[in-house]
Amino acid sequence: MTFQDFNFDPKLTEGLESMGYNKPTPIQEKAIPAIMARKDLIACAQTGTGKTAAYLLPILNNIIHSEKRHLNTLVIAPTRELAQQIDQQIEGFAYFLGVSSIPVYGGGDGAIWEQQKKALEAGVDIIIATPGRLMAQLASGVIKLDDVEHLVLDEADRMLDMGFYEDIIRIIKYLPAHRQTLLFSATMPPKIRALATRILKNPEEINIAISKPAEGILQQAYVVYDEQKEKLINHIFKTGQYNSVLIFASTKENVKKLDRALQKIGIMAKAIHSDLEQVERENILREFKNKKLSILVGTDVLSRGIDVEGISLVINFDVPPDPEDYIHRIGRTARAATTGTAITFINSKDQRKFSRIEHMIGKEIEKVTLPVELGEGPLYQPEKAPENKYQKPRGPKKNFGHKPRR
């Protein structure tokens, strides 16, 4: 199958050809016909499978054939970075179409708020918004969603993990009952099923199985004590040549702590987290994408919100909380048929979590011996490791009035 088989408008096909798009990915092959048939959809697909194009292309095709132009589509995304990336993809696909879009997100100063407000008042075809800022703009009366035809929830599982369930339900109340709703999620826990049941009508369901890590990724692990981790990173950078590195820690606090530790030992890295101003975050990401910054430290939100070619090394400073997050993290390297390395640090309490990762991907990951100067680490005995009491619960969560993080 090629994109010609979808019978898109010639202008849209021309845009795809100019961007080098020819053969659709599995999620695009299955989702595009369902969306063009105006069916509601629940789709389970990982980041990196082409899901953004899977919903944008048929929506763009619909917009350019609309008799009357209005705010046609609302895309809700969990993070500013993902909202910006979706907007950039729309800009590329719609180059020959004259379709307009705007990302609406918080974290900036009053000037950004006013800029978004003026653009919304002027009118756009597509809004890509984070839940918190969208709620604020709705409350101000700037946005009217009465004529929206398509609602897209992208990375729905991540939004629920961040506490946005109630915001999503409130936003949906502003939308017309007769609309097409598309829900995309990397995982399908019970809370996503419950949300889908509440907001979708007779949806078609697509499940693209969680893929194994790319063959080009060399996966390794070190079994360490926490106090050995920073020295081990120093050893890795001294003994290897890596042009572009992502380091993942499991919490914002750990990201800040690791950033300070790396600076102290002379490793020039930068950390990205929600306490930074939006301009700072954008500048850091731009430096990393343009190869002016070689080492970036962040949390799992970054693993789904960044799309950078040429990352040669991913370090899991902490074992990710879920096996799926491991796939997302290491999937930042070895993209587009290249090679890369993924190294995970396993302390005693994380051994069971790492064993579950090995079980999911169907292979045992090589445990590398620690450098002699660091001493010995703990034995790898996942069957005897204590359960991590800080591990996230997997069942549905209730929001007892706590304010979501924005």
Foldseek 3Di string as FASTA:
>chain_A
DWPVVLVFDPLLVVLCVVVVGTHAFPLLVPQQVCVLVLFAEEEAADFPRCVLCSNLRSQLSVQLPDPDAAQAEEEEEADQLQLVVSQVVNCSSCVRPPAFEDEFEDQADPVVVVVVLVVLQVGGHYYYYYLPRVVVCVVVVSDQQANYAEYEYEQVVVNVVLPCPVSVVVVCVRHDLHHHYYYYHNDDFPVNVVVCVVRHDPHDYYYDDQDFADPQEQEEEAEAALVLLLVQVVVDVVVDDWQAEEEEEADPVVQVVSCVSCVVVPNDEEEDDSVDGPVVNVVNLVCRQVSVGRYYYYYLVVLNSDAHPRGAEYEYSAQYLALSSVSSRSNSYCPPVHHHYYYYYHYQQCLLRVVVNCVVSVHDRHHDAGPPVSPHRDDRDNVPGDHDPPRDDRHRDDDPPDDGDD
